[in-house]
Amino acid sequence: KEFIVLVGPSGCGKSTTLRMIAGLEEI
C-alpha cells in the first residue's frame, strides 16, 4: 500500500522501469 514516485528528467529511465514492472519491457 505504499505510494512510490519515480521522478527525473526525460530519458532518465523512469518509464522504462515502470514498463519492466508491468511486463511490457523485458528485464
mmCIF file of all heavy atoms, coordinates in Angstrom:
data_MODEL
# 
_entry.id   MODEL 
# 
loop_
_atom_site.group_PDB 
_atom_site.id 
_atom_site.type_symbol 
_atom_site.label_atom_id 
_atom_site.label_alt_id 
_atom_site.label_comp_id 
_atom_site.label_asym_id 
_atom_site.label_entity_id 
_atom_site.label_seq_id 
_atom_site.pdbx_PDB_ins_code 
_atom_site.Cartn_x 
_atom_site.Cartn_y 
_atom_site.Cartn_z 
_atom_site.occupancy 
_atom_site.B_iso_or_equiv 
_atom_site.pdbx_formal_charge 
_atom_site.auth_seq_id 
_atom_site.auth_comp_id 
_atom_site.auth_asym_id 
_atom_site.auth_atom_id 
_atom_site.pdbx_PDB_model_num 
ATOM 1   N N   . LYS A 1 1  ? 0.805  -1.231  0.000   1.00 0.00 ? 1  LYS A N   1 
ATOM 2   C CA  . LYS A 1 1  ? 0.000  0.000   0.000   1.00 0.00 ? 1  LYS A CA  1 
ATOM 3   C C   . LYS A 1 1  ? 0.840  1.285   0.000   1.00 0.00 ? 1  LYS A C   1 
ATOM 4   O O   . LYS A 1 1  ? 0.306  2.371   0.220   1.00 0.00 ? 1  LYS A O   1 
ATOM 5   C CB  . LYS A 1 1  ? -0.973 0.027   1.189   1.00 0.00 ? 1  LYS A CB  1 
ATOM 6   C CG  . LYS A 1 1  ? -1.949 -1.135  1.206   1.00 0.00 ? 1  LYS A CG  1 
ATOM 7   C CD  . LYS A 1 1  ? -2.822 -1.099  2.448   1.00 0.00 ? 1  LYS A CD  1 
ATOM 8   C CE  . LYS A 1 1  ? -3.605 -2.383  2.583   1.00 0.00 ? 1  LYS A CE  1 
ATOM 9   N NZ  . LYS A 1 1  ? -4.337 -2.451  3.864   1.00 0.00 ? 1  LYS A NZ  1 
ATOM 10  N N   . GLU A 1 2  ? 2.127  1.170   -0.252  1.00 0.00 ? 2  GLU A N   1 
ATOM 11  C CA  . GLU A 1 2  ? 2.973  2.362   -0.302  1.00 0.00 ? 2  GLU A CA  1 
ATOM 12  C C   . GLU A 1 2  ? 2.764  3.085   -1.635  1.00 0.00 ? 2  GLU A C   1 
ATOM 13  O O   . GLU A 1 2  ? 2.442  2.467   -2.646  1.00 0.00 ? 2  GLU A O   1 
ATOM 14  C CB  . GLU A 1 2  ? 4.443  1.970   -0.148  1.00 0.00 ? 2  GLU A CB  1 
ATOM 15  C CG  . GLU A 1 2  ? 5.372  3.161   0.037   1.00 0.00 ? 2  GLU A CG  1 
ATOM 16  C CD  . GLU A 1 2  ? 6.811  2.756   0.368   1.00 0.00 ? 2  GLU A CD  1 
ATOM 17  O OE1 . GLU A 1 2  ? 7.169  1.580   0.155   1.00 0.00 ? 2  GLU A OE1 1 
ATOM 18  O OE2 . GLU A 1 2  ? 7.559  3.630   0.829   1.00 0.00 ? 2  GLU A OE2 1 
ATOM 19  N N   . PHE A 1 3  ? 2.935  4.397   -1.628  1.00 0.00 ? 3  PHE A N   1 
ATOM 20  C CA  . PHE A 1 3  ? 2.851  5.206   -2.848  1.00 0.00 ? 3  PHE A CA  1 
ATOM 21  C C   . PHE A 1 3  ? 4.276  5.669   -3.173  1.00 0.00 ? 3  PHE A C   1 
ATOM 22  O O   . PHE A 1 3  ? 4.835  6.520   -2.504  1.00 0.00 ? 3  PHE A O   1 
ATOM 23  C CB  . PHE A 1 3  ? 1.940  6.422   -2.628  1.00 0.00 ? 3  PHE A CB  1 
ATOM 24  C CG  . PHE A 1 3  ? 1.437  7.041   -3.908  1.00 0.00 ? 3  PHE A CG  1 
ATOM 25  C CD1 . PHE A 1 3  ? 0.081  7.173   -4.148  1.00 0.00 ? 3  PHE A CD1 1 
ATOM 26  C CD2 . PHE A 1 3  ? 2.322  7.505   -4.881  1.00 0.00 ? 3  PHE A CD2 1 
ATOM 27  C CE1 . PHE A 1 3  ? -0.396 7.754   -5.333  1.00 0.00 ? 3  PHE A CE1 1 
ATOM 28  C CE2 . PHE A 1 3  ? 1.867  8.077   -6.055  1.00 0.00 ? 3  PHE A CE2 1 
ATOM 29  C CZ  . PHE A 1 3  ? 0.498  8.195   -6.277  1.00 0.00 ? 3  PHE A CZ  1 
ATOM 30  N N   . ILE A 1 4  ? 4.846  5.058   -4.212  1.00 0.00 ? 4  ILE A N   1 
ATOM 31  C CA  . ILE A 1 4  ? 6.211  5.362   -4.647  1.00 0.00 ? 4  ILE A CA  1 
ATOM 32  C C   . ILE A 1 4  ? 6.155  6.195   -5.921  1.00 0.00 ? 4  ILE A C   1 
ATOM 33  O O   . ILE A 1 4  ? 5.398  5.882   -6.846  1.00 0.00 ? 4  ILE A O   1 
ATOM 34  C CB  . ILE A 1 4  ? 6.996  4.058   -4.931  1.00 0.00 ? 4  ILE A CB  1 
ATOM 35  C CG1 . ILE A 1 4  ? 7.282  3.316   -3.627  1.00 0.00 ? 4  ILE A CG1 1 
ATOM 36  C CG2 . ILE A 1 4  ? 8.294  4.351   -5.676  1.00 0.00 ? 4  ILE A CG2 1 
ATOM 37  C CD1 . ILE A 1 4  ? 8.351  3.928   -2.764  1.00 0.00 ? 4  ILE A CD1 1 
ATOM 38  N N   . VAL A 1 5  ? 6.946  7.261   -5.969  1.00 0.00 ? 5  VAL A N   1 
ATOM 39  C CA  . VAL A 1 5  ? 7.015  8.088   -7.177  1.00 0.00 ? 5  VAL A CA  1 
ATOM 40  C C   . VAL A 1 5  ? 8.420  8.018   -7.758  1.00 0.00 ? 5  VAL A C   1 
ATOM 41  O O   . VAL A 1 5  ? 9.409  8.243   -7.046  1.00 0.00 ? 5  VAL A O   1 
ATOM 42  C CB  . VAL A 1 5  ? 6.658  9.554   -6.872  1.00 0.00 ? 5  VAL A CB  1 
ATOM 43  C CG1 . VAL A 1 5  ? 6.753  10.389  -8.147  1.00 0.00 ? 5  VAL A CG1 1 
ATOM 44  C CG2 . VAL A 1 5  ? 5.254  9.666   -6.294  1.00 0.00 ? 5  VAL A CG2 1 
ATOM 45  N N   . LEU A 1 6  ? 8.513  7.655   -9.040  1.00 0.00 ? 6  LEU A N   1 
ATOM 46  C CA  . LEU A 1 6  ? 9.785  7.703   -9.768  1.00 0.00 ? 6  LEU A CA  1 
ATOM 47  C C   . LEU A 1 6  ? 9.825  9.040   -10.500 1.00 0.00 ? 6  LEU A C   1 
ATOM 48  O O   . LEU A 1 6  ? 8.923  9.346   -11.293 1.00 0.00 ? 6  LEU A O   1 
ATOM 49  C CB  . LEU A 1 6  ? 9.887  6.558   -10.781 1.00 0.00 ? 6  LEU A CB  1 
ATOM 50  C CG  . LEU A 1 6  ? 9.641  5.133   -10.275 1.00 0.00 ? 6  LEU A CG  1 
ATOM 51  C CD1 . LEU A 1 6  ? 9.860  4.132   -11.409 1.00 0.00 ? 6  LEU A CD1 1 
ATOM 52  C CD2 . LEU A 1 6  ? 10.539 4.793   -9.107  1.00 0.00 ? 6  LEU A CD2 1 
ATOM 53  N N   . VAL A 1 7  ? 10.854 9.832   -10.221 1.00 0.00 ? 7  VAL A N   1 
ATOM 54  C CA  . VAL A 1 7  ? 10.910 11.176  -10.795 1.00 0.00 ? 7  VAL A CA  1 
ATOM 55  C C   . VAL A 1 7  ? 12.294 11.442  -11.357 1.00 0.00 ? 7  VAL A C   1 
ATOM 56  O O   . VAL A 1 7  ? 13.298 10.925  -10.850 1.00 0.00 ? 7  VAL A O   1 
ATOM 57  C CB  . VAL A 1 7  ? 10.520 12.244  -9.737  1.00 0.00 ? 7  VAL A CB  1 
ATOM 58  C CG1 . VAL A 1 7  ? 11.515 12.278  -8.596  1.00 0.00 ? 7  VAL A CG1 1 
ATOM 59  C CG2 . VAL A 1 7  ? 10.379 13.625  -10.348 1.00 0.00 ? 7  VAL A CG2 1 
ATOM 60  N N   . GLY A 1 8  ? 12.351 12.233  -12.403 1.00 0.00 ? 8  GLY A N   1 
ATOM 61  C CA  . GLY A 1 8  ? 13.629 12.583  -13.013 1.00 0.00 ? 8  GLY A CA  1 
ATOM 62  C C   . GLY A 1 8  ? 13.381 13.223  -14.364 1.00 0.00 ? 8  GLY A C   1 
ATOM 63  O O   . GLY A 1 8  ? 12.244 13.246  -14.865 1.00 0.00 ? 8  GLY A O   1 
ATOM 64  N N   . PRO A 1 9  ? 14.422 13.750  -14.996 1.00 0.00 ? 9  PRO A N   1 
ATOM 65  C CA  . PRO A 1 9  ? 14.260 14.378  -16.310 1.00 0.00 ? 9  PRO A CA  1 
ATOM 66  C C   . PRO A 1 9  ? 13.959 13.354  -17.392 1.00 0.00 ? 9  PRO A C   1 
ATOM 67  O O   . PRO A 1 9  ? 14.095 12.141  -17.175 1.00 0.00 ? 9  PRO A O   1 
ATOM 68  C CB  . PRO A 1 9  ? 15.624 15.045  -16.540 1.00 0.00 ? 9  PRO A CB  1 
ATOM 69  C CG  . PRO A 1 9  ? 16.586 14.246  -15.712 1.00 0.00 ? 9  PRO A CG  1 
ATOM 70  C CD  . PRO A 1 9  ? 15.817 13.782  -14.512 1.00 0.00 ? 9  PRO A CD  1 
ATOM 71  N N   . SER A 1 10 ? 13.548 13.830  -18.547 1.00 0.00 ? 10 SER A N   1 
ATOM 72  C CA  . SER A 1 10 ? 13.275 12.933  -19.677 1.00 0.00 ? 10 SER A CA  1 
ATOM 73  C C   . SER A 1 10 ? 14.512 12.100  -20.002 1.00 0.00 ? 10 SER A C   1 
ATOM 74  O O   . SER A 1 10 ? 15.626 12.622  -20.001 1.00 0.00 ? 10 SER A O   1 
ATOM 75  C CB  . SER A 1 10 ? 12.864 13.745  -20.909 1.00 0.00 ? 10 SER A CB  1 
ATOM 76  O OG  . SER A 1 10 ? 11.665 14.432  -20.669 1.00 0.00 ? 10 SER A OG  1 
ATOM 77  N N   . GLY A 1 11 ? 14.289 10.812  -20.268 1.00 0.00 ? 11 GLY A N   1 
ATOM 78  C CA  . GLY A 1 11 ? 15.392 9.930   -20.642 1.00 0.00 ? 11 GLY A CA  1 
ATOM 79  C C   . GLY A 1 11 ? 16.167 9.352   -19.480 1.00 0.00 ? 11 GLY A C   1 
ATOM 80  O O   . GLY A 1 11 ? 17.202 8.722   -19.685 1.00 0.00 ? 11 GLY A O   1 
ATOM 81  N N   . CYS A 1 12 ? 15.667 9.517   -18.247 1.00 0.00 ? 12 CYS A N   1 
ATOM 82  C CA  . CYS A 1 12 ? 16.427 9.020   -17.090 1.00 0.00 ? 12 CYS A CA  1 
ATOM 83  C C   . CYS A 1 12 ? 16.149 7.549   -16.790 1.00 0.00 ? 12 CYS A C   1 
ATOM 84  O O   . CYS A 1 12 ? 16.823 6.949   -15.957 1.00 0.00 ? 12 CYS A O   1 
ATOM 85  C CB  . CYS A 1 12 ? 16.131 9.869   -15.848 1.00 0.00 ? 12 CYS A CB  1 
ATOM 86  S SG  . CYS A 1 12 ? 14.479 9.635   -15.168 1.00 0.00 ? 12 CYS A SG  1 
ATOM 87  N N   . GLY A 1 13 ? 15.140 6.950   -17.430 1.00 0.00 ? 13 GLY A N   1 
ATOM 88  C CA  . GLY A 1 13 ? 14.865 5.528   -17.239 1.00 0.00 ? 13 GLY A CA  1 
ATOM 89  C C   . GLY A 1 13 ? 13.656 5.227   -16.374 1.00 0.00 ? 13 GLY A C   1 
ATOM 90  O O   . GLY A 1 13 ? 13.340 4.063   -16.130 1.00 0.00 ? 13 GLY A O   1 
ATOM 91  N N   . LYS A 1 14 ? 12.918 6.250   -15.954 1.00 0.00 ? 14 LYS A N   1 
ATOM 92  C CA  . LYS A 1 14 ? 11.793 6.012   -15.034 1.00 0.00 ? 14 LYS A CA  1 
ATOM 93  C C   . LYS A 1 14 ? 10.640 5.263   -15.707 1.00 0.00 ? 14 LYS A C   1 
ATOM 94  O O   . LYS A 1 14 ? 10.089 4.311   -15.126 1.00 0.00 ? 14 LYS A O   1 
ATOM 95  C CB  . LYS A 1 14 ? 11.321 7.322   -14.406 1.00 0.00 ? 14 LYS A CB  1 
ATOM 96  C CG  . LYS A 1 14 ? 10.922 8.415   -15.385 1.00 0.00 ? 14 LYS A CG  1 
ATOM 97  C CD  . LYS A 1 14 ? 10.704 9.745   -14.695 1.00 0.00 ? 14 LYS A CD  1 
ATOM 98  C CE  . LYS A 1 14 ? 10.174 10.798  -15.673 1.00 0.00 ? 14 LYS A CE  1 
ATOM 99  N NZ  . LYS A 1 14 ? 11.153 11.130  -16.742 1.00 0.00 ? 14 LYS A NZ  1 
ATOM 100 N N   . SER A 1 15 ? 10.266 5.667   -16.926 1.00 0.00 ? 15 SER A N   1 
ATOM 101 C CA  . SER A 1 15 ? 9.174  4.972   -17.616 1.00 0.00 ? 15 SER A CA  1 
ATOM 102 C C   . SER A 1 15 ? 9.591  3.566   -18.030 1.00 0.00 ? 15 SER A C   1 
ATOM 103 O O   . SER A 1 15 ? 8.780  2.639   -18.004 1.00 0.00 ? 15 SER A O   1 
ATOM 104 C CB  . SER A 1 15 ? 8.720  5.764   -18.850 1.00 0.00 ? 15 SER A CB  1 
ATOM 105 O OG  . SER A 1 15 ? 8.032  6.933   -18.460 1.00 0.00 ? 15 SER A OG  1 
ATOM 106 N N   . THR A 1 16 ? 10.853 3.403   -18.396 1.00 0.00 ? 16 THR A N   1 
ATOM 107 C CA  . THR A 1 16 ? 11.366 2.062   -18.738 1.00 0.00 ? 16 THR A CA  1 
ATOM 108 C C   . THR A 1 16 ? 11.263 1.141   -17.527 1.00 0.00 ? 16 THR A C   1 
ATOM 109 O O   . THR A 1 16 ? 10.855 -0.026  -17.646 1.00 0.00 ? 16 THR A O   1 
ATOM 110 C CB  . THR A 1 16 ? 12.827 2.153   -19.207 1.00 0.00 ? 16 THR A CB  1 
ATOM 111 O OG1 . THR A 1 16 ? 12.900 3.011   -20.344 1.00 0.00 ? 16 THR A OG1 1 
ATOM 112 C CG2 . THR A 1 16 ? 13.372 0.781   -19.568 1.00 0.00 ? 16 THR A CG2 1 
ATOM 113 N N   . THR A 1 17 ? 11.604 1.661   -16.341 1.00 0.00 ? 17 THR A N   1 
ATOM 114 C CA  . THR A 1 17 ? 11.495 0.868   -15.113 1.00 0.00 ? 17 THR A CA  1 
ATOM 115 C C   . THR A 1 17 ? 10.042 0.460   -14.879 1.00 0.00 ? 17 THR A C   1 
ATOM 116 O O   . THR A 1 17 ? 9.746  -0.691  -14.546 1.00 0.00 ? 17 THR A O   1 
ATOM 117 C CB  . THR A 1 17 ? 12.018 1.677   -13.907 1.00 0.00 ? 17 THR A CB  1 
ATOM 118 O OG1 . THR A 1 17 ? 13.374 2.051   -14.148 1.00 0.00 ? 17 THR A OG1 1 
ATOM 119 C CG2 . THR A 1 17 ? 11.939 0.868   -12.625 1.00 0.00 ? 17 THR A CG2 1 
ATOM 120 N N   . LEU A 1 18 ? 9.116  1.412   -15.049 1.00 0.00 ? 18 LEU A N   1 
ATOM 121 C CA  . LEU A 1 18 ? 7.694  1.117   -14.848 1.00 0.00 ? 18 LEU A CA  1 
ATOM 122 C C   . LEU A 1 18 ? 7.224  0.050   -15.826 1.00 0.00 ? 18 LEU A C   1 
ATOM 123 O O   . LEU A 1 18 ? 6.474  -0.861  -15.456 1.00 0.00 ? 18 LEU A O   1 
ATOM 124 C CB  . LEU A 1 18 ? 6.877  2.396   -15.029 1.00 0.00 ? 18 LEU A CB  1 
ATOM 125 C CG  . LEU A 1 18 ? 5.441  2.344   -14.504 1.00 0.00 ? 18 LEU A CG  1 
ATOM 126 C CD1 . LEU A 1 18 ? 5.435  2.494   -12.992 1.00 0.00 ? 18 LEU A CD1 1 
ATOM 127 C CD2 . LEU A 1 18 ? 4.579  3.437   -15.130 1.00 0.00 ? 18 LEU A CD2 1 
ATOM 128 N N   . ARG A 1 19 ? 7.677  0.150   -17.065 1.00 0.00 ? 19 ARG A N   1 
ATOM 129 C CA  . ARG A 1 19 ? 7.258  -0.819  -18.081 1.00 0.00 ? 19 ARG A CA  1 
ATOM 130 C C   . ARG A 1 19 ? 7.832  -2.204  -17.815 1.00 0.00 ? 19 ARG A C   1 
ATOM 131 O O   . ARG A 1 19 ? 7.216  -3.206  -18.144 1.00 0.00 ? 19 ARG A O   1 
ATOM 132 C CB  . ARG A 1 19 ? 7.656  -0.305  -19.480 1.00 0.00 ? 19 ARG A CB  1 
ATOM 133 C CG  . ARG A 1 19 ? 6.831  0.906   -19.913 1.00 0.00 ? 19 ARG A CG  1 
ATOM 134 C CD  . ARG A 1 19 ? 7.338  1.503   -21.220 1.00 0.00 ? 19 ARG A CD  1 
ATOM 135 N NE  . ARG A 1 19 ? 7.174  0.566   -22.330 1.00 0.00 ? 19 ARG A NE  1 
ATOM 136 C CZ  . ARG A 1 19 ? 6.057  0.400   -23.009 1.00 0.00 ? 19 ARG A CZ  1 
ATOM 137 N NH1 . ARG A 1 19 ? 4.978  1.097   -22.699 1.00 0.00 ? 19 ARG A NH1 1 
ATOM 138 N NH2 . ARG A 1 19 ? 5.994  -0.458  -24.010 1.00 0.00 ? 19 ARG A NH2 1 
ATOM 139 N N   . MET A 1 20 ? 9.013  -2.273  -17.199 1.00 0.00 ? 20 MET A N   1 
ATOM 140 C CA  . MET A 1 20 ? 9.556  -3.577  -16.799 1.00 0.00 ? 20 MET A CA  1 
ATOM 141 C C   . MET A 1 20 ? 8.712  -4.191  -15.682 1.00 0.00 ? 20 MET A C   1 
ATOM 142 O O   . MET A 1 20 ? 8.472  -5.398  -15.667 1.00 0.00 ? 20 MET A O   1 
ATOM 143 C CB  . MET A 1 20 ? 11.012 -3.442  -16.365 1.00 0.00 ? 20 MET A CB  1 
ATOM 144 C CG  . MET A 1 20 ? 11.985 -3.261  -17.514 1.00 0.00 ? 20 MET A CG  1 
ATOM 145 S SD  . MET A 1 20 ? 13.726 -3.424  -17.036 1.00 0.00 ? 20 MET A SD  1 
ATOM 146 C CE  . MET A 1 20 ? 14.015 -1.854  -16.219 1.00 0.00 ? 20 MET A CE  1 
ATOM 147 N N   . ILE A 1 21 ? 8.251  -3.356  -14.755 1.00 0.00 ? 21 ILE A N   1 
ATOM 148 C CA  . ILE A 1 21 ? 7.379  -3.857  -13.684 1.00 0.00 ? 21 ILE A CA  1 
ATOM 149 C C   . ILE A 1 21 ? 6.070  -4.373  -14.282 1.00 0.00 ? 21 ILE A C   1 
ATOM 150 O O   . ILE A 1 21 ? 5.548  -5.410  -13.866 1.00 0.00 ? 21 ILE A O   1 
ATOM 151 C CB  . ILE A 1 21 ? 7.105  -2.748  -12.644 1.00 0.00 ? 21 ILE A CB  1 
ATOM 152 C CG1 . ILE A 1 21 ? 8.400  -2.364  -11.920 1.00 0.00 ? 21 ILE A CG1 1 
ATOM 153 C CG2 . ILE A 1 21 ? 6.056  -3.199  -11.625 1.00 0.00 ? 21 ILE A CG2 1 
ATOM 154 C CD1 . ILE A 1 21 ? 8.286  -1.121  -11.055 1.00 0.00 ? 21 ILE A CD1 1 
ATOM 155 N N   . ALA A 1 22 ? 5.567  -3.656  -15.295 1.00 0.00 ? 22 ALA A N   1 
ATOM 156 C CA  . ALA A 1 22 ? 4.309  -4.051  -15.939 1.00 0.00 ? 22 ALA A CA  1 
ATOM 157 C C   . ALA A 1 22 ? 4.467  -5.294  -16.809 1.00 0.00 ? 22 ALA A C   1 
ATOM 158 O O   . ALA A 1 22 ? 3.478  -5.967  -17.122 1.00 0.00 ? 22 ALA A O   1 
ATOM 159 C CB  . ALA A 1 22 ? 3.787  -2.901  -16.791 1.00 0.00 ? 22 ALA A CB  1 
ATOM 160 N N   . GLY A 1 23 ? 5.705  -5.589  -17.226 1.00 0.00 ? 23 GLY A N   1 
ATOM 161 C CA  . GLY A 1 23 ? 5.933  -6.710  -18.133 1.00 0.00 ? 23 GLY A CA  1 
ATOM 162 C C   . GLY A 1 23 ? 5.905  -6.299  -19.588 1.00 0.00 ? 23 GLY A C   1 
ATOM 163 O O   . GLY A 1 23 ? 5.934  -7.146  -20.487 1.00 0.00 ? 23 GLY A O   1 
ATOM 164 N N   . LEU A 1 24 ? 5.843  -4.995  -19.852 1.00 0.00 ? 24 LEU A N   1 
ATOM 165 C CA  . LEU A 1 24 ? 5.826  -4.501  -21.231 1.00 0.00 ? 24 LEU A CA  1 
ATOM 166 C C   . LEU A 1 24 ? 7.228  -4.377  -21.808 1.00 0.00 ? 24 LEU A C   1 
ATOM 167 O O   . LEU A 1 24 ? 7.390  -4.203  -23.015 1.00 0.00 ? 24 LEU A O   1 
ATOM 168 C CB  . LEU A 1 24 ? 5.124  -3.141  -21.283 1.00 0.00 ? 24 LEU A CB  1 
ATOM 169 C CG  . LEU A 1 24 ? 3.686  -3.116  -20.756 1.00 0.00 ? 24 LEU A CG  1 
ATOM 170 C CD1 . LEU A 1 24 ? 3.132  -1.702  -20.775 1.00 0.00 ? 24 LEU A CD1 1 
ATOM 171 C CD2 . LEU A 1 24 ? 2.800  -4.054  -21.560 1.00 0.00 ? 24 LEU A CD2 1 
ATOM 172 N N   . GLU A 1 25 ? 8.232  -4.403  -20.940 1.00 0.00 ? 25 GLU A N   1 
ATOM 173 C CA  . GLU A 1 25 ? 9.637  -4.431  -21.355 1.00 0.00 ? 25 GLU A CA  1 
ATOM 174 C C   . GLU A 1 25 ? 10.302 -5.621  -20.672 1.00 0.00 ? 25 GLU A C   1 
ATOM 175 O O   . GLU A 1 25 ? 10.050 -5.898  -19.497 1.00 0.00 ? 25 GLU A O   1 
ATOM 176 C CB  . GLU A 1 25 ? 10.375 -3.150  -20.935 1.00 0.00 ? 25 GLU A CB  1 
ATOM 177 C CG  . GLU A 1 25 ? 9.927  -1.887  -21.630 1.00 0.00 ? 25 GLU A CG  1 
ATOM 178 C CD  . GLU A 1 25 ? 10.562 -1.714  -23.001 1.00 0.00 ? 25 GLU A CD  1 
ATOM 179 O OE1 . GLU A 1 25 ? 11.358 -2.590  -23.402 1.00 0.00 ? 25 GLU A OE1 1 
ATOM 180 O OE2 . GLU A 1 25 ? 10.262 -0.699  -23.657 1.00 0.00 ? 25 GLU A OE2 1 
ATOM 181 N N   . GLU A 1 26 ? 11.146 -6.309  -21.417 1.00 0.00 ? 26 GLU A N   1 
ATOM 182 C CA  . GLU A 1 26 ? 11.870 -7.446  -20.846 1.00 0.00 ? 26 GLU A CA  1 
ATOM 183 C C   . GLU A 1 26 ? 12.973 -6.942  -19.910 1.00 0.00 ? 26 GLU A C   1 
ATOM 184 O O   . GLU A 1 26 ? 13.633 -5.932  -20.189 1.00 0.00 ? 26 GLU A O   1 
ATOM 185 C CB  . GLU A 1 26 ? 12.496 -8.256  -21.984 1.00 0.00 ? 26 GLU A CB  1 
ATOM 186 C CG  . GLU A 1 26 ? 13.176 -9.526  -21.526 1.00 0.00 ? 26 GLU A CG  1 
ATOM 187 C CD  . GLU A 1 26 ? 13.806 -10.281 -22.685 1.00 0.00 ? 26 GLU A CD  1 
ATOM 188 O OE1 . GLU A 1 26 ? 13.362 -10.070 -23.839 1.00 0.00 ? 26 GLU A OE1 1 
ATOM 189 O OE2 . GLU A 1 26 ? 14.738 -11.062 -22.448 1.00 0.00 ? 26 GLU A OE2 1 
ATOM 190 N N   . ILE A 1 27 ? 13.151 -7.616  -18.784 1.00 0.00 ? 27 ILE A N   1 
ATOM 191 C CA  . ILE A 1 27 ? 14.221 -7.276  -17.846 1.00 0.00 ? 27 ILE A CA  1 
ATOM 192 C C   . ILE A 1 27 ? 15.510 -7.947  -18.332 1.00 0.00 ? 27 ILE A C   1 
ATOM 193 O O   . ILE A 1 27 ? 15.557 -9.166  -18.497 1.00 0.00 ? 27 ILE A O   1 
ATOM 194 C CB  . ILE A 1 27 ? 13.867 -7.754  -16.417 1.00 0.00 ? 27 ILE A CB  1 
ATOM 195 C CG1 . ILE A 1 27 ? 12.637 -7.001  -15.909 1.00 0.00 ? 27 ILE A CG1 1 
ATOM 196 C CG2 . ILE A 1 27 ? 15.037 -7.561  -15.460 1.00 0.00 ? 27 ILE A CG2 1 
ATOM 197 C CD1 . ILE A 1 27 ? 12.076 -7.532  -14.602 1.00 0.00 ? 27 ILE A CD1 1 
# 
